[in-house]
Amino acid sequence: MSSALPGASISASEVTDITPFGFWLLVDDSEYFVPFTDYPDFRRATVAQVYSVRRIGPVQLHWPALDIDIELDALARPSDYPLAFTR
């Protein structure tokens, strides 16, 4: 049995669709909806900026061009994170 190369990404994360209300994000085997009402900076972003997501840790995603980080737990259980996303 061989392991992945050191430093190689072993988990996928990608935007799969953008709607007028937000976008769908596939991370590993889970799909999350990111609503523009909760994350308004994405509404003003270009399509290319929204699609340019990077996984920077086991539970954290980053959009470099927008300087936005989101933890997966905030998407999975938004009621546990009542603070609004602001700049």
C-alpha atoms as a PDB file:
ATOM      1  CA  MET A   1       0.000   0.000   0.000  1.00  0.00           C
ATOM      2  CA  SER A   2       1.387   3.425  -0.872  1.00  0.00           C
ATOM      3  CA  SER A   3       0.522   6.817   0.503  1.00  0.00           C
ATOM      4  CA  ALA A   4      -0.099  10.010  -1.410  1.00  0.00           C
ATOM      5  CA  LEU A   5       2.950  12.070  -2.251  1.00  0.00           C
ATOM      6  CA  PRO A   6       4.018  14.406   0.556  1.00  0.00           C
ATOM      7  CA  GLY A   7       2.196  17.696   0.181  1.00  0.00           C
ATOM      8  CA  ALA A   8      -0.270  16.304  -2.351  1.00  0.00           C
ATOM      9  CA  SER A   9      -3.906  17.161  -1.793  1.00  0.00           C
ATOM     10  CA  ILE A  10      -5.931  14.124  -0.810  1.00  0.00           C
ATOM     11  CA  SER A  11      -9.316  15.818  -0.513  1.00  0.00           C
ATOM     12  CA  ALA A  12     -11.380  17.604  -3.099  1.00  0.00           C
ATOM     13  CA  SER A  13     -13.181  20.896  -2.761  1.00  0.00           C
ATOM     14  CA  GLU A  14     -14.893  22.674  -5.610  1.00  0.00           C
ATOM     15  CA  VAL A  15     -17.756  24.991  -6.444  1.00  0.00           C
ATOM     16  CA  THR A  16     -20.267  23.001  -8.477  1.00  0.00           C
ATOM     17  CA  ASP A  17     -22.956  25.593  -9.257  1.00  0.00           C
ATOM     18  CA  ILE A  18     -23.775  29.261  -8.768  1.00  0.00           C
ATOM     19  CA  THR A  19     -27.373  30.466  -8.481  1.00  0.00           C
ATOM     20  CA  PRO A  20     -28.858  33.943  -7.923  1.00  0.00           C
ATOM     21  CA  PHE A  21     -29.120  33.024  -4.221  1.00  0.00           C
ATOM     22  CA  GLY A  22     -25.691  31.523  -3.541  1.00  0.00           C
ATOM     23  CA  PHE A  23     -23.489  28.685  -4.640  1.00  0.00           C
ATOM     24  CA  TRP A  24     -23.012  24.967  -4.051  1.00  0.00           C
ATOM     25  CA  LEU A  25     -19.722  23.703  -2.712  1.00  0.00           C
ATOM     26  CA  LEU A  26     -18.619  20.063  -2.848  1.00  0.00           C
ATOM     27  CA  VAL A  27     -16.057  19.105  -0.206  1.00  0.00           C
ATOM     28  CA  ASP A  28     -14.998  15.484  -0.082  1.00  0.00           C
ATOM     29  CA  ASP A  29     -18.357  13.676  -0.154  1.00  0.00           C
ATOM     30  CA  SER A  30     -20.457  16.487   1.323  1.00  0.00           C
ATOM     31  CA  GLU A  31     -22.280  19.301  -0.444  1.00  0.00           C
ATOM     32  CA  TYR A  32     -22.886  22.697   1.162  1.00  0.00           C
ATOM     33  CA  PHE A  33     -24.922  25.707   0.075  1.00  0.00           C
ATOM     34  CA  VAL A  34     -23.285  29.107   0.656  1.00  0.00           C
ATOM     35  CA  PRO A  35     -26.083  31.717   0.630  1.00  0.00           C
ATOM     36  CA  PHE A  36     -25.293  35.246  -0.504  1.00  0.00           C
ATOM     37  CA  THR A  37     -27.473  36.583   2.328  1.00  0.00           C
ATOM     38  CA  ASP A  38     -25.022  35.113   4.856  1.00  0.00           C
ATOM     39  CA  TYR A  39     -21.867  35.760   2.807  1.00  0.00           C
ATOM     40  CA  PRO A  40     -22.557  38.981   0.836  1.00  0.00           C
ATOM     41  CA  ASP A  41     -19.001  39.500  -0.428  1.00  0.00           C
ATOM     42  CA  PHE A  42     -19.487  36.539  -2.749  1.00  0.00           C
ATOM     43  CA  ARG A  43     -22.431  38.305  -4.398  1.00  0.00           C
ATOM     44  CA  ARG A  44     -20.083  41.052  -5.608  1.00  0.00           C
ATOM     45  CA  ALA A  45     -17.397  38.583  -6.717  1.00  0.00           C
ATOM     46  CA  THR A  46     -16.771  37.439 -10.264  1.00  0.00           C
ATOM     47  CA  VAL A  47     -17.589  33.876 -11.248  1.00  0.00           C
ATOM     48  CA  ALA A  48     -13.867  33.132 -11.533  1.00  0.00           C
ATOM     49  CA  GLN A  49     -13.273  34.419  -7.993  1.00  0.00           C
ATOM     50  CA  VAL A  50     -16.042  32.228  -6.566  1.00  0.00           C
ATOM     51  CA  TYR A  51     -14.714  29.142  -8.359  1.00  0.00           C
ATOM     52  CA  SER A  52     -11.156  29.765  -7.093  1.00  0.00           C
ATOM     53  CA  VAL A  53     -11.522  28.000  -3.757  1.00  0.00           C
ATOM     54  CA  ARG A  54      -8.604  26.344  -1.979  1.00  0.00           C
ATOM     55  CA  ARG A  55      -8.632  23.935   0.916  1.00  0.00           C
ATOM     56  CA  ILE A  56      -6.110  25.249   3.433  1.00  0.00           C
ATOM     57  CA  GLY A  57      -6.740  22.729   6.177  1.00  0.00           C
ATOM     58  CA  PRO A  58      -8.941  19.798   7.021  1.00  0.00           C
ATOM     59  CA  VAL A  59     -11.866  22.069   7.884  1.00  0.00           C
ATOM     60  CA  GLN A  60     -11.036  25.422   6.308  1.00  0.00           C
ATOM     61  CA  LEU A  61     -11.576  26.841   2.817  1.00  0.00           C
ATOM     62  CA  HIS A  62     -10.003  29.985   1.360  1.00  0.00           C
ATOM     63  CA  TRP A  63     -10.786  32.234  -1.605  1.00  0.00           C
ATOM     64  CA  PRO A  64      -7.468  34.035  -2.256  1.00  0.00           C
ATOM     65  CA  ALA A  65      -8.726  36.775  -4.593  1.00  0.00           C
ATOM     66  CA  LEU A  66     -11.473  37.686  -2.115  1.00  0.00           C
ATOM     67  CA  ASP A  67      -9.487  37.135   1.099  1.00  0.00           C
ATOM     68  CA  ILE A  68     -12.365  35.053   2.505  1.00  0.00           C
ATOM     69  CA  ASP A  69     -12.021  32.020   4.773  1.00  0.00           C
ATOM     70  CA  ILE A  70     -14.888  29.761   5.808  1.00  0.00           C
ATOM     71  CA  GLU A  71     -14.812  26.790   8.138  1.00  0.00           C
ATOM     72  CA  LEU A  72     -16.860  23.781   7.086  1.00  0.00           C
ATOM     73  CA  ASP A  73     -18.574  23.617  10.458  1.00  0.00           C
ATOM     74  CA  ALA A  74     -20.088  27.069   9.830  1.00  0.00           C
ATOM     75  CA  LEU A  75     -21.636  25.723   6.619  1.00  0.00           C
ATOM     76  CA  ALA A  76     -22.744  22.435   8.144  1.00  0.00           C
ATOM     77  CA  ARG A  77     -24.301  24.020  11.249  1.00  0.00           C
ATOM     78  CA  PRO A  78     -24.996  27.701  10.538  1.00  0.00           C
ATOM     79  CA  SER A  79     -27.243  28.052  13.597  1.00  0.00           C
ATOM     80  CA  ASP A  80     -24.153  27.521  15.768  1.00  0.00           C
ATOM     81  CA  TYR A  81     -22.545  30.589  14.140  1.00  0.00           C
ATOM     82  CA  PRO A  82     -25.046  33.438  14.554  1.00  0.00           C
ATOM     83  CA  LEU A  83     -22.628  36.268  13.743  1.00  0.00           C
ATOM     84  CA  ALA A  84     -23.047  37.722  10.271  1.00  0.00           C
ATOM     85  CA  PHE A  85     -20.189  37.669   7.807  1.00  0.00           C
ATOM     86  CA  THR A  86     -18.900  41.225   7.468  1.00  0.00           C
ATOM     87  CA  ARG A  87     -15.914  43.092   6.166  1.00  0.00           C
END
